[in-house]
Amino acid sequence: MQPTLEALAAQLSKVILGKDAAIRQSITCLIAGGHLLIEDLPGVGKTTLAHALAISLGLRFSRVQFTSDLLPGDITGVSVFERPSQSGEGGRFVFHAGPIFSNVLLADEVNRATPKTQSALLEAMEEHQVSVDGTTHILPEPFFVIATQNPFHQVGTFPLPESQLDRFLMCVELGYPDQRAERALLEGEDRRVLMRTLPQMFDPAQLVGLQAEVARVHAAPALLDYLQALISASRTSPLFAEGLSPRGGLALLQAARAWALLSHRNHIIPEDVQAVWVAVTNHRLQPAHAEARGAQRELAAQLLASVAIP
């Protein structure tokens, strides 16, 4: 399976140029069974990466553009009363599924919607189901949310609450391309045209099997000691208002397992934890001082460097 993962990373690198690390982290998140948050300025390729991932994984894809007037029912679906026919049939409420009933939901600019609409994603992300009018509807498997988010300082954004941020396994940034990648982008084919030619590299059953393989990656006691040392350091560090929760620790372990599998190993080494540390923790660890807001990645990297490998 690993050669296919390498081919998947290579295919995505042809669409998103010069961002190999972010692409590998995104693949890691999805094969770990987690939801992905992509945070950066408009126009750097967040939506393109999400769409290319869905196409390459061969999954049913829906996109919702989050705006301030978007309602929860616009995402989950609504029950509509159908009038009885002349034969007397009908006369009941029928549920019309929303775009969330897909394998991959792209929540574009998720922080431009109101908190009420943002909260509509919580049950779906955690339980893989939605409840409408007292009825529970199961979502298809596999199910991923790939959300894009603009920086908090931009006009018209509503910060995601900590409870929803914690549902995202990883948060990655793309940033501006380097000069070489940007030149290739300017001289190359239009990204929208290029994505129409991307081949499907997985089917849903393969992806579910790969997720099961991730769960079997071994974590030795010494590795868990290192992971616990990092978690403990986050809780006592003066850099952060609060440390990692137990769920955050489990997310770190799951992401490290997926990174190890992507690196052709059936066991975790400390470098796997280090590779995913910032992406797993930067949206969970809030700075202790307001002036450090927006510098979570730098602070998370600083904490990582301060903890020795046992």
Protein backbone atom coordinates (compact mmCIF):
# COMPACT_ATOMS: atom_id res chain seq x y z
CA MET A 1 0.00 0.00 0.00
CA GLN A 2 2.90 2.40 0.74
CA PRO A 3 3.99 2.80 -2.89
CA THR A 4 0.44 3.96 -3.63
CA LEU A 5 0.70 6.53 -0.86
CA GLU A 6 3.97 7.78 -2.32
CA ALA A 7 2.33 8.01 -5.74
CA LEU A 8 -0.57 9.91 -4.16
CA ALA A 9 1.85 12.42 -2.62
CA ALA A 10 3.64 12.81 -5.96
CA GLN A 11 0.35 13.39 -7.79
CA LEU A 12 -0.74 16.09 -5.33
CA SER A 13 2.69 17.73 -5.62
CA LYS A 14 2.00 18.31 -9.31
CA VAL A 15 -1.05 20.38 -8.38
CA ILE A 16 0.22 22.14 -5.24
CA LEU A 17 3.76 23.07 -6.12
CA GLY A 18 6.56 23.32 -3.57
CA LYS A 19 4.48 22.20 -0.57
CA ASP A 20 5.60 18.60 -0.07
CA ALA A 21 5.55 18.80 3.75
CA ALA A 22 1.98 20.14 3.90
CA ILE A 23 0.85 17.49 1.39
CA ARG A 24 2.37 14.65 3.45
CA GLN A 25 0.76 16.02 6.59
CA SER A 26 -2.61 16.21 4.84
CA ILE A 27 -2.36 12.59 3.66
CA THR A 28 -1.29 11.58 7.16
CA CYS A 29 -4.39 13.21 8.63
CA LEU A 30 -6.77 11.46 6.26
CA ILE A 31 -5.31 7.96 6.54
CA ALA A 32 -5.39 8.43 10.33
CA GLY A 33 -9.15 8.91 10.01
CA GLY A 34 -9.08 12.51 11.19
CA HIS A 35 -10.48 15.79 9.95
CA LEU A 36 -8.18 18.39 8.43
CA LEU A 37 -8.07 22.15 8.92
CA ILE A 38 -6.10 24.18 6.36
CA GLU A 39 -5.41 27.70 7.58
CA ASP A 40 -3.82 30.44 5.50
CA LEU A 41 -4.37 33.54 3.41
CA PRO A 42 -6.88 33.44 0.51
CA GLY A 43 -5.42 32.37 -2.80
CA VAL A 44 -2.53 30.13 -1.69
CA GLY A 45 -4.19 26.85 -2.71
CA LYS A 46 -6.22 25.67 0.30
CA THR A 47 -9.33 24.79 -1.69
CA THR A 48 -7.28 23.34 -4.54
CA LEU A 49 -5.48 20.97 -2.16
CA ALA A 50 -8.75 19.84 -0.59
CA HIS A 51 -10.35 19.21 -3.99
CA ALA A 52 -7.29 17.38 -5.33
CA LEU A 53 -7.26 15.13 -2.25
CA ALA A 54 -10.91 14.18 -2.76
CA ILE A 55 -10.42 13.44 -6.46
CA SER A 56 -7.28 11.38 -5.87
CA LEU A 57 -8.92 9.37 -3.09
CA GLY A 58 -11.89 8.56 -5.32
CA LEU A 59 -14.45 9.74 -2.80
CA ARG A 60 -17.80 11.47 -3.18
CA PHE A 61 -17.12 15.17 -2.70
CA SER A 62 -19.27 18.11 -1.63
CA ARG A 63 -18.28 21.72 -1.13
CA VAL A 64 -20.04 24.28 1.04
CA GLN A 65 -19.01 27.92 0.93
CA PHE A 66 -19.46 29.13 4.50
CA THR A 67 -20.97 32.61 4.73
CA SER A 68 -22.54 34.66 7.49
CA ASP A 69 -26.08 33.81 6.31
CA LEU A 70 -25.53 30.04 6.03
CA LEU A 71 -27.95 28.01 8.19
CA PRO A 72 -27.34 24.61 9.83
CA GLY A 73 -30.01 23.04 7.62
CA ASP A 74 -28.08 24.15 4.55
CA ILE A 75 -25.39 21.67 5.61
CA THR A 76 -27.25 18.80 7.23
CA GLY A 77 -30.46 18.84 5.18
CA VAL A 78 -34.10 19.47 6.04
CA SER A 79 -37.40 17.63 6.33
CA VAL A 80 -39.92 18.82 3.75
CA PHE A 81 -43.63 18.07 3.86
CA GLU A 82 -44.82 16.39 0.70
CA ARG A 83 -48.50 16.86 -0.05
CA PRO A 84 -50.55 13.70 -0.66
CA SER A 85 -51.03 12.67 -4.27
CA GLN A 86 -54.43 12.15 -5.87
CA SER A 87 -54.20 8.47 -4.96
CA GLY A 88 -53.77 9.43 -1.32
CA GLU A 89 -50.07 8.56 -1.13
CA GLY A 90 -47.67 10.94 0.51
CA GLY A 91 -48.72 13.51 3.05
CA ARG A 92 -45.63 13.11 5.19
CA PHE A 93 -42.33 14.75 5.96
CA VAL A 94 -39.45 13.51 3.82
CA PHE A 95 -35.82 14.17 4.71
CA HIS A 96 -33.75 15.79 1.97
CA ALA A 97 -30.09 15.15 2.69
CA GLY A 98 -27.69 18.09 2.66
CA PRO A 99 -24.15 18.24 1.26
CA ILE A 100 -22.72 16.73 4.45
CA PHE A 101 -23.90 13.32 3.17
CA SER A 102 -20.73 12.73 1.19
CA ASN A 103 -17.36 11.09 1.83
CA VAL A 104 -15.45 14.37 1.79
CA LEU A 105 -17.06 17.65 2.84
CA LEU A 106 -15.06 20.75 1.99
CA ALA A 107 -16.10 23.45 4.46
CA ASP A 108 -14.65 26.43 2.62
CA GLU A 109 -13.79 29.46 4.81
CA VAL A 110 -15.43 27.78 7.80
CA ASN A 111 -14.72 30.73 10.09
CA ARG A 112 -16.88 33.09 8.02
CA ALA A 113 -20.05 31.35 9.24
CA THR A 114 -21.76 32.13 12.53
CA PRO A 115 -21.06 29.95 15.59
CA LYS A 116 -24.54 28.37 15.32
CA THR A 117 -23.75 27.07 11.84
CA GLN A 118 -20.22 26.04 12.81
CA SER A 119 -21.69 23.93 15.61
CA ALA A 120 -23.73 21.96 13.08
CA LEU A 121 -20.51 20.21 12.13
CA LEU A 122 -19.71 19.02 15.67
CA GLU A 123 -21.93 15.94 15.80
CA ALA A 124 -21.02 14.96 12.26
CA MET A 125 -17.27 15.24 12.87
CA GLU A 126 -17.31 13.34 16.14
CA GLU A 127 -20.12 10.80 15.69
CA HIS A 128 -20.34 10.52 11.87
CA GLN A 129 -24.07 11.17 12.08
CA VAL A 130 -26.50 14.08 12.10
CA SER A 131 -29.79 14.55 13.92
CA VAL A 132 -32.60 16.42 12.18
CA ASP A 133 -36.08 16.79 13.72
CA GLY A 134 -35.29 14.13 16.29
CA THR A 135 -34.16 11.54 13.73
CA THR A 136 -30.56 10.35 13.49
CA HIS A 137 -29.09 9.89 10.02
CA ILE A 138 -25.83 7.97 9.58
CA LEU A 139 -23.19 9.48 7.31
CA PRO A 140 -21.41 7.42 4.64
CA GLU A 141 -18.04 5.85 5.42
CA PRO A 142 -15.33 6.95 5.12
CA PHE A 143 -16.25 10.51 6.08
CA PHE A 144 -13.85 13.45 6.28
CA VAL A 145 -14.26 17.16 6.82
CA ILE A 146 -11.59 19.27 5.15
CA ALA A 147 -12.10 22.83 6.32
CA THR A 148 -10.29 25.93 5.15
CA GLN A 149 -9.91 28.94 7.39
CA ASN A 150 -8.75 32.50 6.87
CA PRO A 151 -6.44 34.18 9.40
CA PHE A 152 -8.28 35.50 12.47
CA HIS A 153 -7.34 39.13 11.77
CA GLN A 154 -9.28 39.26 8.49
CA VAL A 155 -12.60 41.09 8.38
CA GLY A 156 -15.76 39.02 8.75
CA THR A 157 -14.37 35.99 10.56
CA PHE A 158 -15.79 34.20 13.61
CA PRO A 159 -13.10 32.28 15.54
CA LEU A 160 -13.86 28.58 15.85
CA PRO A 161 -14.56 27.55 19.47
CA GLU A 162 -11.99 25.32 21.17
CA SER A 163 -14.47 22.42 21.22
CA GLN A 164 -14.67 22.44 17.42
CA LEU A 165 -10.98 23.09 16.84
CA ASP A 166 -10.27 19.97 18.91
CA ARG A 167 -12.28 17.89 16.42
CA PHE A 168 -9.68 18.55 13.75
CA LEU A 169 -6.86 16.04 14.01
CA MET A 170 -4.37 18.35 12.26
CA CYS A 171 -4.10 21.96 11.16
CA VAL A 172 -1.68 22.76 8.35
CA GLU A 173 -0.51 25.91 6.59
CA LEU A 174 0.53 26.30 2.97
CA GLY A 175 2.10 29.75 2.81
CA TYR A 176 3.47 31.46 -0.26
CA PRO A 177 5.36 29.29 -2.78
CA ASP A 178 9.06 29.83 -3.22
CA GLN A 179 10.27 31.55 -6.38
CA ARG A 180 10.97 28.34 -8.26
CA ALA A 181 7.53 26.87 -7.48
CA GLU A 182 5.76 30.12 -8.28
CA ARG A 183 7.55 30.39 -11.64
CA ALA A 184 6.44 26.84 -12.49
CA LEU A 185 2.92 27.81 -11.43
CA LEU A 186 2.91 30.86 -13.71
CA GLU A 187 4.25 28.91 -16.67
CA GLY A 188 2.20 25.77 -16.10
CA GLU A 189 -1.31 24.56 -16.83
CA ASP A 190 -4.34 26.07 -15.15
CA ARG A 191 -4.94 24.22 -11.86
CA ARG A 192 -8.65 23.73 -12.58
CA VAL A 193 -7.89 22.12 -15.93
CA LEU A 194 -5.14 20.00 -14.37
CA MET A 195 -7.43 18.64 -11.65
CA ARG A 196 -9.90 17.37 -14.25
CA THR A 197 -7.18 15.02 -15.49
CA LEU A 198 -6.20 13.58 -12.09
CA PRO A 199 -6.70 9.81 -11.89
CA GLN A 200 -8.40 8.12 -8.97
CA MET A 201 -5.82 6.29 -6.85
CA PHE A 202 -8.00 4.70 -4.14
CA ASP A 203 -11.47 3.41 -3.62
CA PRO A 204 -13.37 3.70 -0.31
CA ALA A 205 -12.68 0.07 0.68
CA GLN A 206 -8.92 0.54 0.19
CA LEU A 207 -8.96 3.66 2.29
CA VAL A 208 -10.85 1.99 5.13
CA GLY A 209 -8.35 -0.88 5.00
CA LEU A 210 -5.49 1.57 5.17
CA GLN A 211 -6.98 3.21 8.25
CA ALA A 212 -7.16 -0.21 9.91
CA GLU A 213 -3.48 -0.72 9.05
CA VAL A 214 -2.62 2.58 10.74
CA ALA A 215 -4.23 1.37 13.96
CA ARG A 216 -1.86 -1.64 13.98
CA VAL A 217 1.34 0.44 13.89
CA HIS A 218 3.29 -0.36 17.07
CA ALA A 219 4.11 2.20 19.75
CA ALA A 220 6.84 0.96 22.13
CA PRO A 221 6.77 1.88 25.85
CA ALA A 222 9.81 4.13 25.42
CA LEU A 223 8.00 5.99 22.64
CA LEU A 224 4.96 6.46 24.86
CA ASP A 225 7.29 7.85 27.56
CA TYR A 226 8.43 10.50 25.08
CA LEU A 227 4.88 11.30 24.07
CA GLN A 228 3.82 11.65 27.69
CA ALA A 229 6.79 13.91 28.40
CA LEU A 230 5.62 16.24 25.62
CA ILE A 231 2.04 16.22 26.90
CA SER A 232 3.20 16.95 30.45
CA ALA A 233 5.46 19.76 29.27
CA SER A 234 2.55 21.40 27.44
CA ARG A 235 0.54 21.44 30.69
CA THR A 236 3.29 23.04 32.79
CA SER A 237 4.77 25.41 30.21
CA PRO A 238 4.28 29.15 30.84
CA LEU A 239 3.94 29.59 27.08
CA PHE A 240 0.37 28.24 26.98
CA ALA A 241 -2.82 28.97 28.86
CA GLU A 242 -3.72 25.26 28.96
CA GLY A 243 -1.96 22.08 27.97
CA LEU A 244 -2.98 19.20 25.74
CA SER A 245 -6.07 17.26 26.79
CA PRO A 246 -6.11 13.44 26.84
CA ARG A 247 -7.91 13.58 23.49
CA GLY A 248 -5.08 15.75 22.17
CA GLY A 249 -2.58 13.13 23.32
CA LEU A 250 -4.50 10.38 21.53
CA ALA A 251 -4.59 12.54 18.39
CA LEU A 252 -0.81 12.94 18.56
CA LEU A 253 -0.35 9.18 18.84
CA GLN A 254 -2.73 8.45 15.95
CA ALA A 255 -1.06 11.00 13.69
CA ALA A 256 2.39 9.60 14.54
CA ARG A 257 1.17 6.11 13.62
CA ALA A 258 -0.07 7.36 10.24
CA TRP A 259 3.20 9.23 9.57
CA ALA A 260 5.17 6.07 10.37
CA LEU A 261 3.08 4.06 7.92
CA LEU A 262 3.56 6.73 5.26
CA SER A 263 7.30 6.39 5.93
CA HIS A 264 7.23 2.60 5.29
CA ARG A 265 7.42 1.54 8.95
CA ASN A 266 5.17 -0.57 11.16
CA HIS A 267 6.40 1.08 14.37
CA ILE A 268 6.71 4.66 15.60
CA ILE A 269 10.02 6.39 16.20
CA PRO A 270 10.50 9.79 17.93
CA GLU A 271 10.98 11.49 14.56
CA ASP A 272 7.40 10.53 13.64
CA VAL A 273 6.06 12.34 16.70
CA GLN A 274 8.24 15.35 15.92
CA ALA A 275 7.05 15.44 12.30
CA VAL A 276 3.39 15.77 13.26
CA TRP A 277 3.73 17.64 16.57
CA VAL A 278 3.17 21.19 15.30
CA ALA A 279 0.28 20.26 12.97
CA VAL A 280 -1.50 18.33 15.75
CA THR A 281 -0.96 20.85 18.56
CA ASN A 282 -0.85 24.37 17.11
CA HIS A 283 -4.64 24.76 17.04
CA ARG A 284 -5.05 23.13 20.46
CA LEU A 285 -2.45 25.07 22.44
CA GLN A 286 -3.56 28.64 23.07
CA PRO A 287 -0.82 31.17 24.01
CA ALA A 288 -0.81 32.36 27.60
CA HIS A 289 -0.36 35.97 26.47
CA ALA A 290 -2.67 37.79 24.06
CA GLU A 291 0.22 39.39 22.18
CA ALA A 292 1.41 35.92 21.15
CA ARG A 293 -1.86 35.09 19.41
CA GLY A 294 -1.11 33.87 15.92
CA ALA A 295 2.30 32.50 16.93
CA GLN A 296 1.08 29.08 18.07
CA ARG A 297 3.24 27.23 15.55
CA GLU A 298 6.41 28.91 16.71
CA LEU A 299 5.55 28.32 20.37
CA ALA A 300 4.68 24.66 19.74
CA ALA A 301 8.02 24.17 17.95
CA GLN A 302 9.79 25.87 20.86
CA LEU A 303 8.17 23.49 23.34
CA LEU A 304 9.09 20.47 21.20
CA ALA A 305 12.73 21.53 21.16
CA SER A 306 12.77 21.83 24.94
CA VAL A 307 11.79 18.20 25.61
CA ALA A 308 14.58 15.63 25.36
CA ILE A 309 14.01 12.17 23.93
CA PRO A 310 14.11 9.69 26.88
